[in-house]
């Protein structure tokens, strides 16, 4: 059994219960959360216990193992759902300036967008590629562990009230048009134009247990590994490295680092602040 890191604010018995819970989920359902970061695990598990008015982790485990619908709710707790269009606009602006010139002349481009959530950042990338004139020759593979998120992403519907923020992000990212040109409004929801998802393929992929499925010119994996412990981060970096062409580009989140992993020596830093790297070995 894999041990989780030391968890704050829980008693030794509760720590043991959490280890047993994660092991049971892995054996029964095949989802491996055993090497997620300890604070993240503690927070999600204790919040679910409070929501269900359960006194022990063992009580939570009983419901998870015997009630599949309850497991679906618990599984959603472990999904990363914080996202927005053109999140961190400076990343997209830097991507335009540093990456696009290098791939513009490729006859075909493959991009893997890891942990795509409900799709906001994937559609953002599609808009950027369209404005740079290379969307038609690009295939974007957008993956997530959560099938509910993926279904939302496929539909491409987003709340109308978010558009003010998203428009600001778009402008700050270097957007070249009126953002409203890319969507229409239906029943207080926004639906993005169908041409944006013509070259996007959404499907389920688990970074912890699944293997590489292609080679890519660009991999975007932002704000995913902050929830993993160091061992799992190294495992994911191996997967990303093996999935990236030589001279391919890797984009991470602002709070993520490659410097302290086993794979730092295989990349050159393209932009340190925006965590953009290029594979050189």
Protein backbone atom coordinates (compact mmCIF):
# COMPACT_ATOMS: atom_id res chain seq x y z
CA UNK A 1 0.00 0.00 0.00
CA UNK A 2 1.31 3.45 -0.91
CA UNK A 3 1.61 5.81 2.04
CA UNK A 4 0.35 9.36 1.76
CA UNK A 5 2.47 12.22 3.05
CA UNK A 6 2.01 13.39 6.61
CA UNK A 7 -1.40 15.00 6.94
CA UNK A 8 -1.86 17.97 9.25
CA UNK A 9 -4.68 18.28 11.73
CA UNK A 10 -5.68 14.61 11.69
CA UNK A 11 -5.09 12.03 14.36
CA UNK A 12 -2.97 8.91 13.65
CA UNK A 13 -6.07 6.71 13.47
CA UNK A 14 -7.73 9.07 11.00
CA UNK A 15 -4.55 9.09 8.90
CA UNK A 16 -4.71 5.28 8.78
CA UNK A 17 -8.38 5.46 7.78
CA UNK A 18 -7.54 7.81 4.93
CA UNK A 19 -4.83 5.46 3.66
CA UNK A 20 -7.29 2.56 3.77
CA UNK A 21 -9.95 4.62 2.01
CA UNK A 22 -7.62 5.53 -0.87
CA UNK A 23 -6.47 1.94 -1.20
CA UNK A 24 -10.08 0.72 -1.26
CA UNK A 25 -11.03 3.23 -3.98
CA UNK A 26 -8.07 2.12 -6.08
CA UNK A 27 -8.85 -1.60 -5.73
CA UNK A 28 -12.61 -1.31 -6.22
CA UNK A 29 -12.95 1.51 -8.76
CA UNK A 30 -9.47 1.79 -10.29
CA UNK A 31 -9.00 5.48 -9.44
CA UNK A 32 -5.61 6.07 -7.85
CA UNK A 33 -5.54 9.08 -5.52
CA UNK A 34 -2.90 7.59 -3.21
CA UNK A 35 -0.16 9.97 -4.31
CA UNK A 36 -2.12 13.19 -4.41
CA UNK A 37 -0.76 15.85 -2.06
CA UNK A 38 -1.64 15.32 1.58
CA UNK A 39 -3.29 18.71 2.27
CA UNK A 40 -5.46 18.34 -0.83
CA UNK A 41 -6.59 14.86 0.22
CA UNK A 42 -7.33 15.92 3.77
CA UNK A 43 -9.32 18.95 2.69
CA UNK A 44 -11.48 17.10 0.17
CA UNK A 45 -12.16 14.10 2.43
CA UNK A 46 -13.02 16.11 5.53
CA UNK A 47 -15.25 18.46 3.54
CA UNK A 48 -17.19 15.52 2.12
CA UNK A 49 -17.54 14.01 5.60
CA UNK A 50 -18.96 17.29 6.89
CA UNK A 51 -21.37 17.59 3.95
CA UNK A 52 -22.67 14.07 4.58
CA UNK A 53 -22.72 14.47 8.38
CA UNK A 54 -20.34 11.53 8.81
CA UNK A 55 -18.22 11.22 11.94
CA UNK A 56 -15.47 8.92 10.63
CA UNK A 57 -13.51 8.27 7.45
CA UNK A 58 -14.48 4.62 7.81
CA UNK A 59 -18.14 5.66 7.57
CA UNK A 60 -17.30 7.53 4.40
CA UNK A 61 -15.52 4.46 3.01
CA UNK A 62 -18.59 2.29 3.64
CA UNK A 63 -20.81 4.61 1.58
CA UNK A 64 -18.22 4.90 -1.20
CA UNK A 65 -17.82 1.13 -1.55
CA UNK A 66 -21.53 0.27 -1.37
CA UNK A 67 -23.17 3.24 -3.11
CA UNK A 68 -21.84 3.89 -6.64
CA UNK A 69 -23.82 7.13 -6.95
CA UNK A 70 -22.15 8.40 -3.79
CA UNK A 71 -18.78 7.52 -5.30
CA UNK A 72 -19.65 9.73 -8.27
CA UNK A 73 -20.13 12.71 -5.93
CA UNK A 74 -16.92 11.93 -4.10
CA UNK A 75 -15.04 11.53 -7.39
CA UNK A 76 -16.19 15.00 -8.42
CA UNK A 77 -14.61 16.36 -5.21
CA UNK A 78 -11.23 15.27 -6.56
CA UNK A 79 -11.68 16.96 -9.91
CA UNK A 80 -9.99 20.30 -10.53
CA UNK A 81 -12.70 22.68 -11.67
CA UNK A 82 -11.07 26.10 -11.27
CA UNK A 83 -10.67 27.55 -14.75
CA UNK A 84 -11.60 30.45 -17.00
CA UNK A 85 -11.15 31.67 -20.57
CA UNK A 86 -7.60 32.92 -21.17
CA UNK A 87 -6.70 32.24 -17.55
CA UNK A 88 -3.45 34.04 -16.75
CA UNK A 89 -3.60 36.21 -19.91
CA UNK A 90 0.16 36.79 -19.86
CA UNK A 91 0.68 33.06 -20.47
CA UNK A 92 -1.35 33.19 -23.68
CA UNK A 93 0.35 36.42 -24.76
CA UNK A 94 3.76 34.85 -24.22
CA UNK A 95 2.62 31.70 -26.02
CA UNK A 96 1.72 33.84 -29.04
CA UNK A 97 5.11 35.51 -29.05
CA UNK A 98 7.41 32.62 -28.10
CA UNK A 99 5.80 29.43 -29.41
CA UNK A 100 3.68 30.32 -32.43
CA UNK A 101 6.61 31.59 -34.56
CA UNK A 102 8.39 28.26 -34.09
CA UNK A 103 5.45 26.06 -35.13
CA UNK A 104 3.79 28.28 -37.72
CA UNK A 105 5.43 26.52 -40.69
CA UNK A 106 4.79 22.97 -39.49
CA UNK A 107 2.59 21.08 -41.98
CA UNK A 108 0.51 19.75 -39.09
CA UNK A 109 0.49 20.47 -35.35
CA UNK A 110 -0.61 18.24 -32.49
CA UNK A 111 -1.38 19.71 -29.06
CA UNK A 112 -2.24 17.81 -25.89
CA UNK A 113 -4.21 19.86 -23.37
CA UNK A 114 -3.98 17.92 -20.09
CA UNK A 115 -6.64 18.35 -17.40
CA UNK A 116 -8.91 20.41 -19.63
CA UNK A 117 -11.75 20.59 -17.09
CA UNK A 118 -14.89 22.10 -18.61
CA UNK A 119 -12.95 23.37 -21.60
CA UNK A 120 -12.51 27.11 -21.15
CA UNK A 121 -8.76 27.12 -21.71
CA UNK A 122 -9.03 24.73 -24.65
CA UNK A 123 -11.45 27.06 -26.44
CA UNK A 124 -9.10 29.91 -25.58
CA UNK A 125 -6.27 28.09 -27.32
CA UNK A 126 -8.49 27.42 -30.34
CA UNK A 127 -9.27 31.15 -30.62
CA UNK A 128 -5.58 32.02 -30.37
CA UNK A 129 -4.66 29.48 -33.06
CA UNK A 130 -7.44 30.76 -35.29
CA UNK A 131 -6.18 34.32 -35.02
CA UNK A 132 -2.68 33.12 -35.85
CA UNK A 133 -4.00 31.32 -38.94
CA UNK A 134 -3.02 27.79 -37.91
CA UNK A 135 -6.14 26.32 -36.32
CA UNK A 136 -7.12 24.38 -39.43
CA UNK A 137 -3.88 22.37 -39.44
CA UNK A 138 -3.86 21.80 -35.67
CA UNK A 139 -5.37 18.87 -33.78
CA UNK A 140 -6.03 19.51 -30.08
CA UNK A 141 -6.41 16.48 -27.81
CA UNK A 142 -8.19 17.69 -24.68
CA UNK A 143 -8.25 15.21 -21.80
CA UNK A 144 -9.55 15.07 -18.27
CA UNK A 145 -10.14 12.41 -15.64
CA UNK A 146 -13.73 13.55 -15.06
CA UNK A 147 -16.37 12.53 -17.67
CA UNK A 148 -18.81 15.17 -16.36
CA UNK A 149 -16.29 17.92 -17.10
CA UNK A 150 -15.63 16.47 -20.53
CA UNK A 151 -19.31 16.46 -21.45
CA UNK A 152 -19.55 20.15 -20.48
CA UNK A 153 -16.46 20.88 -22.56
CA UNK A 154 -17.89 19.11 -25.62
CA UNK A 155 -21.06 21.18 -25.44
CA UNK A 156 -19.17 24.47 -25.24
CA UNK A 157 -21.79 26.30 -23.15
CA UNK A 158 -20.64 28.82 -20.56
CA UNK A 159 -22.40 31.29 -18.22
CA UNK A 160 -23.15 34.68 -19.74
CA UNK A 161 -22.15 36.48 -16.54
CA UNK A 162 -18.57 35.26 -16.99
CA UNK A 163 -18.13 37.01 -20.34
CA UNK A 164 -17.06 40.37 -18.88
CA UNK A 165 -14.10 38.72 -17.13
CA UNK A 166 -13.35 36.52 -20.13
CA UNK A 167 -13.39 39.50 -22.47
CA UNK A 168 -10.90 41.32 -20.25
CA UNK A 169 -8.66 38.25 -20.19
CA UNK A 170 -8.90 37.93 -23.96
CA UNK A 171 -7.87 41.53 -24.54
CA UNK A 172 -4.96 41.24 -22.10
CA UNK A 173 -3.80 38.05 -23.82
CA UNK A 174 -3.34 39.90 -27.10
CA UNK A 175 -6.72 39.13 -28.69
CA UNK A 176 -7.14 40.72 -32.09
CA UNK A 177 -10.92 40.95 -32.51
CA UNK A 178 -14.08 41.67 -30.54
CA UNK A 179 -14.39 38.66 -28.24
CA UNK A 180 -18.16 38.58 -28.83
CA UNK A 181 -17.52 37.58 -32.45
CA UNK A 182 -16.71 34.07 -31.25
CA UNK A 183 -19.97 33.27 -29.47
CA UNK A 184 -23.72 33.71 -29.45
CA UNK A 185 -26.10 33.99 -26.48
CA UNK A 186 -28.87 31.48 -25.84
CA UNK A 187 -31.00 31.47 -22.67
CA UNK A 188 -28.46 33.35 -20.55
CA UNK A 189 -25.72 31.03 -21.72
CA UNK A 190 -22.95 31.53 -24.21
CA UNK A 191 -22.22 28.97 -26.92
CA UNK A 192 -18.98 29.27 -28.85
CA UNK A 193 -18.91 28.94 -32.61
CA UNK A 194 -18.74 25.35 -33.81
CA UNK A 195 -15.64 25.93 -35.97
CA UNK A 196 -13.58 26.34 -32.78
CA UNK A 197 -14.12 22.74 -31.74
CA UNK A 198 -13.92 21.19 -35.19
CA UNK A 199 -10.30 20.15 -34.55
CA UNK A 200 -10.67 19.37 -30.83
CA UNK A 201 -11.06 15.82 -29.58
CA UNK A 202 -12.25 15.47 -25.97
CA UNK A 203 -11.72 12.18 -24.15
CA UNK A 204 -11.03 10.70 -20.74
CA UNK A 205 -7.43 10.14 -19.67
CA UNK A 206 -5.99 9.49 -16.22
CA UNK A 207 -2.47 10.85 -15.72
CA UNK A 208 -1.87 8.48 -12.81
CA UNK A 209 -2.73 5.18 -14.47
CA UNK A 210 -2.91 5.73 -18.25
CA UNK A 211 -0.05 5.71 -20.74
CA UNK A 212 1.07 8.03 -23.50
CA UNK A 213 -1.19 7.84 -26.55
CA UNK A 214 0.62 9.96 -29.17
CA UNK A 215 3.52 12.35 -29.79
CA UNK A 216 2.87 16.06 -29.61
CA UNK A 217 4.47 19.31 -30.67
CA UNK A 218 2.94 21.13 -27.70
CA UNK A 219 1.70 19.94 -24.30
CA UNK A 220 -0.24 22.25 -21.99
CA UNK A 221 -0.48 20.89 -18.43
CA UNK A 222 -1.28 23.88 -16.24
CA UNK A 223 -2.32 23.77 -12.59
CA UNK A 224 -2.72 19.99 -12.54
CA UNK A 225 0.39 18.74 -10.74
CA UNK A 226 0.08 21.14 -7.80
CA UNK A 227 -2.28 18.54 -6.32
CA UNK A 228 0.26 15.69 -6.61
CA UNK A 229 3.11 14.70 -4.33
CA UNK A 230 6.70 14.77 -5.62
CA UNK A 231 6.76 11.12 -6.66
CA UNK A 232 3.60 11.45 -8.71
CA UNK A 233 4.84 14.70 -10.24
CA UNK A 234 7.95 12.87 -11.48
CA UNK A 235 5.75 10.11 -12.88
CA UNK A 236 3.66 12.65 -14.81
CA UNK A 237 6.76 14.46 -16.05
CA UNK A 238 8.04 11.17 -17.45
CA UNK A 239 4.73 10.71 -19.27
CA UNK A 240 4.84 14.24 -20.67
CA UNK A 241 8.48 13.90 -21.71
CA UNK A 242 7.78 10.64 -23.54
CA UNK A 243 4.78 12.24 -25.27
CA UNK A 244 6.65 15.29 -26.57
CA UNK A 245 8.57 15.51 -29.84
CA UNK A 246 12.17 16.67 -29.70
CA UNK A 247 12.06 20.49 -29.70
CA UNK A 248 8.45 20.35 -28.55
CA UNK A 249 7.00 22.85 -26.10
CA UNK A 250 5.69 22.31 -22.56
CA UNK A 251 3.52 24.79 -20.67
CA UNK A 252 3.00 24.51 -16.90
CA UNK A 253 1.04 26.56 -14.35
CA UNK A 254 2.50 29.50 -12.45
CA UNK A 255 2.79 27.52 -9.20
CA UNK A 256 4.42 24.52 -10.88
CA UNK A 257 8.12 23.88 -11.36
CA UNK A 258 10.27 21.67 -13.51
CA UNK A 259 13.53 22.67 -11.80
CA UNK A 260 13.25 20.16 -8.97
CA UNK A 261 12.11 17.18 -11.03
CA UNK A 262 14.15 14.40 -12.63
CA UNK A 263 13.39 15.87 -16.06
CA UNK A 264 14.62 19.45 -15.70
CA UNK A 265 17.83 18.65 -17.61
CA UNK A 266 15.84 17.68 -20.69
CA UNK A 267 14.37 21.16 -21.24
CA UNK A 268 15.51 24.67 -21.90
CA UNK A 269 13.61 27.52 -20.30
CA UNK A 270 11.70 29.50 -22.89
CA UNK A 271 10.09 31.87 -20.39
CA UNK A 272 10.70 31.37 -16.67
CA UNK A 273 7.79 33.41 -15.31
CA UNK A 274 5.17 31.88 -17.60
CA UNK A 275 6.65 28.37 -17.17
CA UNK A 276 7.17 27.68 -20.86
CA UNK A 277 9.85 25.12 -21.77
CA UNK A 278 11.30 23.49 -24.87
CA UNK A 279 12.51 19.90 -24.96
CA UNK A 280 16.19 19.74 -25.95
CA UNK A 281 17.17 16.11 -25.35
